Amino acid sequence: MKTKTWIENKELSIAELEAKLSSMQDEIFKLKFRHAASPIKNPLLIRTLRRDIARMKTLVAQKKKESK
């Protein structure tokens, strides 16, 4: 996730972040499943997506903490 994307994501609401997080989790599940069946061309996609999911979870936690 680049800095520009990080700044854009910080401006989203909690509901939008959770929706985006859910779609990313679905995507990584499908990617891992495809990789288990037959190797994908770029396995680093799994790592970058996993890290992006962690960043999104961090943003959601920060937003929830701020709203309290």
PDB file of N, CA and C in Angstrom:
ATOM      1  N   MET A   1       0.850  -1.159   0.000  1.00  0.00           N
ATOM      2  CA  MET A   1       0.000   0.000   0.000  1.00  0.00           C
ATOM      3  C   MET A   1       0.903   1.230   0.000  1.00  0.00           C
ATOM      4  N   LYS A   2       0.781   2.034  -0.991  1.00  0.00           N
ATOM      5  CA  LYS A   2       1.624   3.213  -1.107  1.00  0.00           C
ATOM      6  C   LYS A   2       1.110   4.312  -0.198  1.00  0.00           C
ATOM      7  N   THR A   3       1.932   5.314   0.005  1.00  0.00           N
ATOM      8  CA  THR A   3       1.587   6.418   0.890  1.00  0.00           C
ATOM      9  C   THR A   3       0.315   7.118   0.434  1.00  0.00           C
ATOM     10  N   LYS A   4       0.175   7.303  -0.868  1.00  0.00           N
ATOM     11  CA  LYS A   4      -1.018   7.952  -1.402  1.00  0.00           C
ATOM     12  C   LYS A   4      -2.268   7.152  -1.049  1.00  0.00           C
ATOM     13  N   THR A   5      -2.201   5.852  -1.196  1.00  0.00           N
ATOM     14  CA  THR A   5      -3.328   4.990  -0.867  1.00  0.00           C
ATOM     15  C   THR A   5      -3.590   5.015   0.632  1.00  0.00           C
ATOM     16  N   TRP A   6      -2.532   5.054   1.429  1.00  0.00           N
ATOM     17  CA  TRP A   6      -2.670   5.092   2.884  1.00  0.00           C
ATOM     18  C   TRP A   6      -3.430   6.345   3.312  1.00  0.00           C
ATOM     19  N   ILE A   7      -3.072   7.485   2.720  1.00  0.00           N
ATOM     20  CA  ILE A   7      -3.731   8.750   3.056  1.00  0.00           C
ATOM     21  C   ILE A   7      -5.197   8.711   2.628  1.00  0.00           C
ATOM     22  N   GLU A   8      -5.465   8.156   1.455  1.00  0.00           N
ATOM     23  CA  GLU A   8      -6.849   8.057   0.979  1.00  0.00           C
ATOM     24  C   GLU A   8      -7.664   7.145   1.891  1.00  0.00           C
ATOM     25  N   ASN A   9      -7.068   6.052   2.350  1.00  0.00           N
ATOM     26  CA  ASN A   9      -7.779   5.118   3.213  1.00  0.00           C
ATOM     27  C   ASN A   9      -8.034   5.698   4.603  1.00  0.00           C
ATOM     28  N   LYS A  10      -7.168   6.582   5.069  1.00  0.00           N
ATOM     29  CA  LYS A  10      -7.364   7.199   6.374  1.00  0.00           C
ATOM     30  C   LYS A  10      -8.608   8.070   6.395  1.00  0.00           C
ATOM     31  N   GLU A  11      -9.027   8.560   5.231  1.00  0.00           N
ATOM     32  CA  GLU A  11     -10.181   9.439   5.141  1.00  0.00           C
ATOM     33  C   GLU A  11     -11.501   8.678   5.022  1.00  0.00           C
ATOM     34  N   LEU A  12     -11.453   7.364   4.850  1.00  0.00           N
ATOM     35  CA  LEU A  12     -12.666   6.568   4.718  1.00  0.00           C
ATOM     36  C   LEU A  12     -13.314   6.342   6.079  1.00  0.00           C
ATOM     37  N   SER A  13     -14.607   6.039   6.051  1.00  0.00           N
ATOM     38  CA  SER A  13     -15.312   5.744   7.295  1.00  0.00           C
ATOM     39  C   SER A  13     -15.025   4.305   7.717  1.00  0.00           C
ATOM     40  N   ILE A  14     -15.435   3.965   8.926  1.00  0.00           N
ATOM     41  CA  ILE A  14     -15.193   2.614   9.452  1.00  0.00           C
ATOM     42  C   ILE A  14     -15.912   1.573   8.601  1.00  0.00           C
ATOM     43  N   ALA A  15     -17.149   1.868   8.210  1.00  0.00           N
ATOM     44  CA  ALA A  15     -17.920   0.911   7.402  1.00  0.00           C
ATOM     45  C   ALA A  15     -17.250   0.667   6.052  1.00  0.00           C
ATOM     46  N   GLU A  16     -16.746   1.726   5.436  1.00  0.00           N
ATOM     47  CA  GLU A  16     -16.069   1.582   4.143  1.00  0.00           C
ATOM     48  C   GLU A  16     -14.773   0.797   4.293  1.00  0.00           C
ATOM     49  N   LEU A  17     -14.046   1.056   5.374  1.00  0.00           N
ATOM     50  CA  LEU A  17     -12.804   0.317   5.622  1.00  0.00           C
ATOM     51  C   LEU A  17     -13.084  -1.163   5.846  1.00  0.00           C
ATOM     52  N   GLU A  18     -14.128  -1.464   6.610  1.00  0.00           N
ATOM     53  CA  GLU A  18     -14.459  -2.863   6.871  1.00  0.00           C
ATOM     54  C   GLU A  18     -14.914  -3.574   5.605  1.00  0.00           C
ATOM     55  N   ALA A  19     -15.631  -2.872   4.739  1.00  0.00           N
ATOM     56  CA  ALA A  19     -16.046  -3.463   3.469  1.00  0.00           C
ATOM     57  C   ALA A  19     -14.825  -3.758   2.592  1.00  0.00           C
ATOM     58  N   LYS A  20     -13.904  -2.812   2.555  1.00  0.00           N
ATOM     59  CA  LYS A  20     -12.682  -3.001   1.769  1.00  0.00           C
ATOM     60  C   LYS A  20     -11.840  -4.137   2.340  1.00  0.00           C
ATOM     61  N   LEU A  21     -11.782  -4.216   3.669  1.00  0.00           N
ATOM     62  CA  LEU A  21     -11.047  -5.280   4.351  1.00  0.00           C
ATOM     63  C   LEU A  21     -11.649  -6.644   4.031  1.00  0.00           C
ATOM     64  N   SER A  22     -12.954  -6.715   4.043  1.00  0.00           N
ATOM     65  CA  SER A  22     -13.632  -7.974   3.730  1.00  0.00           C
ATOM     66  C   SER A  22     -13.334  -8.440   2.307  1.00  0.00           C
ATOM     67  N   SER A  23     -13.347  -7.507   1.370  1.00  0.00           N
ATOM     68  CA  SER A  23     -13.055  -7.885  -0.018  1.00  0.00           C
ATOM     69  C   SER A  23     -11.599  -8.324  -0.173  1.00  0.00           C
ATOM     70  N   MET A  24     -10.692  -7.687   0.578  1.00  0.00           N
ATOM     71  CA  MET A  24      -9.282  -8.080   0.523  1.00  0.00           C
ATOM     72  C   MET A  24      -9.093  -9.477   1.112  1.00  0.00           C
ATOM     73  N   GLN A  25      -9.818  -9.780   2.182  1.00  0.00           N
ATOM     74  CA  GLN A  25      -9.713 -11.106   2.790  1.00  0.00           C
ATOM     75  C   GLN A  25     -10.257 -12.181   1.852  1.00  0.00           C
ATOM     76  N   ASP A  26     -11.335 -11.872   1.133  1.00  0.00           N
ATOM     77  CA  ASP A  26     -11.858 -12.812   0.143  1.00  0.00           C
ATOM     78  C   ASP A  26     -10.842 -13.035  -0.971  1.00  0.00           C
ATOM     79  N   GLU A  27     -10.207 -11.952  -1.388  1.00  0.00           N
ATOM     80  CA  GLU A  27      -9.221 -12.034  -2.460  1.00  0.00           C
ATOM     81  C   GLU A  27      -8.022 -12.889  -2.057  1.00  0.00           C
ATOM     82  N   ILE A  28      -7.523 -12.719  -0.828  1.00  0.00           N
ATOM     83  CA  ILE A  28      -6.367 -13.508  -0.400  1.00  0.00           C
ATOM     84  C   ILE A  28      -6.747 -14.970  -0.244  1.00  0.00           C
ATOM     85  N   PHE A  29      -7.984 -15.250   0.183  1.00  0.00           N
ATOM     86  CA  PHE A  29      -8.428 -16.634   0.284  1.00  0.00           C
ATOM     87  C   PHE A  29      -8.415 -17.298  -1.086  1.00  0.00           C
ATOM     88  N   LYS A  30      -8.959 -16.609  -2.078  1.00  0.00           N
ATOM     89  CA  LYS A  30      -8.992 -17.155  -3.438  1.00  0.00           C
ATOM     90  C   LYS A  30      -7.571 -17.330  -3.997  1.00  0.00           C
ATOM     91  N   LEU A  31      -6.713 -16.370  -3.704  1.00  0.00           N
ATOM     92  CA  LEU A  31      -5.337 -16.422  -4.195  1.00  0.00           C
ATOM     93  C   LEU A  31      -4.586 -17.596  -3.575  1.00  0.00           C
ATOM     94  N   LYS A  32      -4.747 -17.805  -2.273  1.00  0.00           N
ATOM     95  CA  LYS A  32      -4.090 -18.930  -1.604  1.00  0.00           C
ATOM     96  C   LYS A  32      -4.626 -20.265  -2.121  1.00  0.00           C
ATOM     97  N   PHE A  33      -5.918 -20.326  -2.363  1.00  0.00           N
ATOM     98  CA  PHE A  33      -6.527 -21.551  -2.868  1.00  0.00           C
ATOM     99  C   PHE A  33      -5.992 -21.871  -4.261  1.00  0.00           C
ATOM    100  N   ARG A  34      -5.923 -20.840  -5.117  1.00  0.00           N
ATOM    101  CA  ARG A  34      -5.375 -21.035  -6.468  1.00  0.00           C
ATOM    102  C   ARG A  34      -3.922 -21.449  -6.411  1.00  0.00           C
ATOM    103  N   HIS A  35      -3.162 -20.867  -5.488  1.00  0.00           N
ATOM    104  CA  HIS A  35      -1.736 -21.176  -5.370  1.00  0.00           C
ATOM    105  C   HIS A  35      -1.525 -22.611  -4.880  1.00  0.00           C
ATOM    106  N   ALA A  36      -2.417 -23.112  -4.048  1.00  0.00           N
ATOM    107  CA  ALA A  36      -2.298 -24.483  -3.567  1.00  0.00           C
ATOM    108  C   ALA A  36      -2.583 -25.482  -4.687  1.00  0.00           C
ATOM    109  N   ALA A  37      -3.504 -25.139  -5.578  1.00  0.00           N
ATOM    110  CA  ALA A  37      -3.849 -26.036  -6.682  1.00  0.00           C
ATOM    111  C   ALA A  37      -2.743 -26.059  -7.731  1.00  0.00           C
ATOM    112  N   SER A  38      -2.301 -24.891  -8.127  1.00  0.00           N
ATOM    113  CA  SER A  38      -1.198 -24.779  -9.083  1.00  0.00           C
ATOM    114  C   SER A  38      -0.485 -23.464  -8.802  1.00  0.00           C
ATOM    115  N   PRO A  39       0.834 -23.458  -8.849  1.00  0.00           N
ATOM    116  CA  PRO A  39       1.583 -22.256  -8.493  1.00  0.00           C
ATOM    117  C   PRO A  39       1.181 -21.047  -9.335  1.00  0.00           C
ATOM    118  N   ILE A  40       1.017 -19.904  -8.664  1.00  0.00           N
ATOM    119  CA  ILE A  40       0.700 -18.677  -9.385  1.00  0.00           C
ATOM    120  C   ILE A  40       1.999 -18.044  -9.880  1.00  0.00           C
ATOM    121  N   LYS A  41       1.890 -17.156 -10.840  1.00  0.00           N
ATOM    122  CA  LYS A  41       3.081 -16.569 -11.450  1.00  0.00           C
ATOM    123  C   LYS A  41       3.880 -15.723 -10.459  1.00  0.00           C
ATOM    124  N   ASN A  42       3.168 -14.954  -9.630  1.00  0.00           N
ATOM    125  CA  ASN A  42       3.860 -14.058  -8.704  1.00  0.00           C
ATOM    126  C   ASN A  42       3.389 -14.346  -7.274  1.00  0.00           C
ATOM    127  N   PRO A  43       4.059 -15.236  -6.559  1.00  0.00           N
ATOM    128  CA  PRO A  43       3.622 -15.565  -5.197  1.00  0.00           C
ATOM    129  C   PRO A  43       3.818 -14.424  -4.197  1.00  0.00           C
ATOM    130  N   LEU A  44       4.550 -13.383  -4.579  1.00  0.00           N
ATOM    131  CA  LEU A  44       4.719 -12.240  -3.687  1.00  0.00           C
ATOM    132  C   LEU A  44       3.423 -11.458  -3.512  1.00  0.00           C
ATOM    133  N   LEU A  45       2.457 -11.693  -4.400  1.00  0.00           N
ATOM    134  CA  LEU A  45       1.159 -11.049  -4.260  1.00  0.00           C
ATOM    135  C   LEU A  45       0.504 -11.429  -2.938  1.00  0.00           C
ATOM    136  N   ILE A  46       0.704 -12.669  -2.520  1.00  0.00           N
ATOM    137  CA  ILE A  46       0.123 -13.140  -1.257  1.00  0.00           C
ATOM    138  C   ILE A  46       0.714 -12.336  -0.101  1.00  0.00           C
ATOM    139  N   ARG A  47       2.007 -12.145  -0.111  1.00  0.00           N
ATOM    140  CA  ARG A  47       2.665 -11.403   0.970  1.00  0.00           C
ATOM    141  C   ARG A  47       2.200  -9.953   1.012  1.00  0.00           C
ATOM    142  N   THR A  48       2.172  -9.296  -0.141  1.00  0.00           N
ATOM    143  CA  THR A  48       1.776  -7.890  -0.161  1.00  0.00           C
ATOM    144  C   THR A  48       0.319  -7.724   0.245  1.00  0.00           C
ATOM    145  N   LEU A  49      -0.523  -8.630  -0.188  1.00  0.00           N
ATOM    146  CA  LEU A  49      -1.930  -8.553   0.176  1.00  0.00           C
ATOM    147  C   LEU A  49      -2.123  -8.799   1.669  1.00  0.00           C
ATOM    148  N   ARG A  50      -1.371  -9.736   2.223  1.00  0.00           N
ATOM    149  CA  ARG A  50      -1.451 -10.014   3.661  1.00  0.00           C
ATOM    150  C   ARG A  50      -1.030  -8.788   4.472  1.00  0.00           C
ATOM    151  N   ARG A  51      -0.009  -8.107   4.016  1.00  0.00           N
ATOM    152  CA  ARG A  51       0.457  -6.901   4.713  1.00  0.00           C
ATOM    153  C   ARG A  51      -0.536  -5.749   4.568  1.00  0.00           C
ATOM    154  N   ASP A  52      -1.151  -5.648   3.396  1.00  0.00           N
ATOM    155  CA  ASP A  52      -2.171  -4.622   3.204  1.00  0.00           C
ATOM    156  C   ASP A  52      -3.373  -4.873   4.109  1.00  0.00           C
ATOM    157  N   ILE A  53      -3.721  -6.138   4.295  1.00  0.00           N
ATOM    158  CA  ILE A  53      -4.819  -6.482   5.200  1.00  0.00           C
ATOM    159  C   ILE A  53      -4.474  -6.063   6.625  1.00  0.00           C
ATOM    160  N   ALA A  54      -3.244  -6.292   7.036  1.00  0.00           N
ATOM    161  CA  ALA A  54      -2.812  -5.888   8.372  1.00  0.00           C
ATOM    162  C   ALA A  54      -2.889  -4.370   8.527  1.00  0.00           C
ATOM    163  N   ARG A  55      -2.518  -3.643   7.483  1.00  0.00           N
ATOM    164  CA  ARG A  55      -2.597  -2.178   7.539  1.00  0.00           C
ATOM    165  C   ARG A  55      -4.045  -1.711   7.648  1.00  0.00           C
ATOM    166  N   MET A  56      -4.923  -2.379   6.914  1.00  0.00           N
ATOM    167  CA  MET A  56      -6.344  -2.027   6.980  1.00  0.00           C
ATOM    168  C   MET A  56      -6.908  -2.306   8.365  1.00  0.00           C
ATOM    169  N   LYS A  57      -6.527  -3.431   8.956  1.00  0.00           N
ATOM    170  CA  LYS A  57      -6.982  -3.751  10.308  1.00  0.00           C
ATOM    171  C   LYS A  57      -6.490  -2.706  11.301  1.00  0.00           C
ATOM    172  N   THR A  58      -5.283  -2.218  11.105  1.00  0.00           N
ATOM    173  CA  THR A  58      -4.736  -1.176  11.965  1.00  0.00           C
ATOM    174  C   THR A  58      -5.561   0.102  11.839  1.00  0.00           C
ATOM    175  N   LEU A  59      -5.898   0.473  10.613  1.00  0.00           N
ATOM    176  CA  LEU A  59      -6.709   1.665  10.403  1.00  0.00           C
ATOM    177  C   LEU A  59      -8.076   1.539  11.063  1.00  0.00           C
ATOM    178  N   VAL A  60      -8.700   0.369  10.926  1.00  0.00           N
ATOM    179  CA  VAL A  60     -10.012   0.144  11.522  1.00  0.00           C
ATOM    180  C   VAL A  60      -9.915   0.271  13.042  1.00  0.00           C
ATOM    181  N   ALA A  61      -8.893  -0.310  13.629  1.00  0.00           N
ATOM    182  CA  ALA A  61      -8.711  -0.238  15.084  1.00  0.00           C
ATOM    183  C   ALA A  61      -8.492   1.209  15.527  1.00  0.00           C
ATOM    184  N   GLN A  62      -7.700   1.963  14.773  1.00  0.00           N
ATOM    185  CA  GLN A  62      -7.464   3.364  15.112  1.00  0.00           C
ATOM    186  C   GLN A  62      -8.741   4.188  15.024  1.00  0.00           C
ATOM    187  N   LYS A  63      -9.517   3.947  13.975  1.00  0.00           N
ATOM    188  CA  LYS A  63     -10.781   4.682  13.806  1.00  0.00           C
ATOM    189  C   LYS A  63     -11.749   4.366  14.932  1.00  0.00           C
ATOM    190  N   LYS A  64     -11.830   3.090  15.303  1.00  0.00           N
ATOM    191  CA  LYS A  64     -12.734   2.700  16.393  1.00  0.00           C
ATOM    192  C   LYS A  64     -12.289   3.335  17.709  1.00  0.00           C
ATOM    193  N   LYS A  65     -10.981   3.391  17.922  1.00  0.00           N
ATOM    194  CA  LYS A  65     -10.450   3.986  19.144  1.00  0.00           C
ATOM    195  C   LYS A  65     -10.740   5.485  19.181  1.00  0.00           C
ATOM    196  N   GLU A  66     -10.620   6.152  18.037  1.00  0.00           N
ATOM    197  CA  GLU A  66     -10.893   7.583  17.960  1.00  0.00           C
ATOM    198  C   GLU A  66     -12.363   7.893  18.188  1.00  0.00           C
ATOM    199  N   SER A  67     -13.252   7.018  17.732  1.00  0.00           N
ATOM    200  CA  SER A  67     -14.679   7.279  17.843  1.00  0.00           C
ATOM    201  C   SER A  67     -15.202   7.115  19.274  1.00  0.00           C
ATOM    202  N   LYS A  68     -14.448   6.439  20.122  1.00  0.00           N
ATOM    203  CA  LYS A  68     -14.896   6.252  21.505  1.00  0.00           C
ATOM    204  C   LYS A  68     -14.662   7.432  22.360  1.00  0.00           C
TER     205      LYS A  68
END
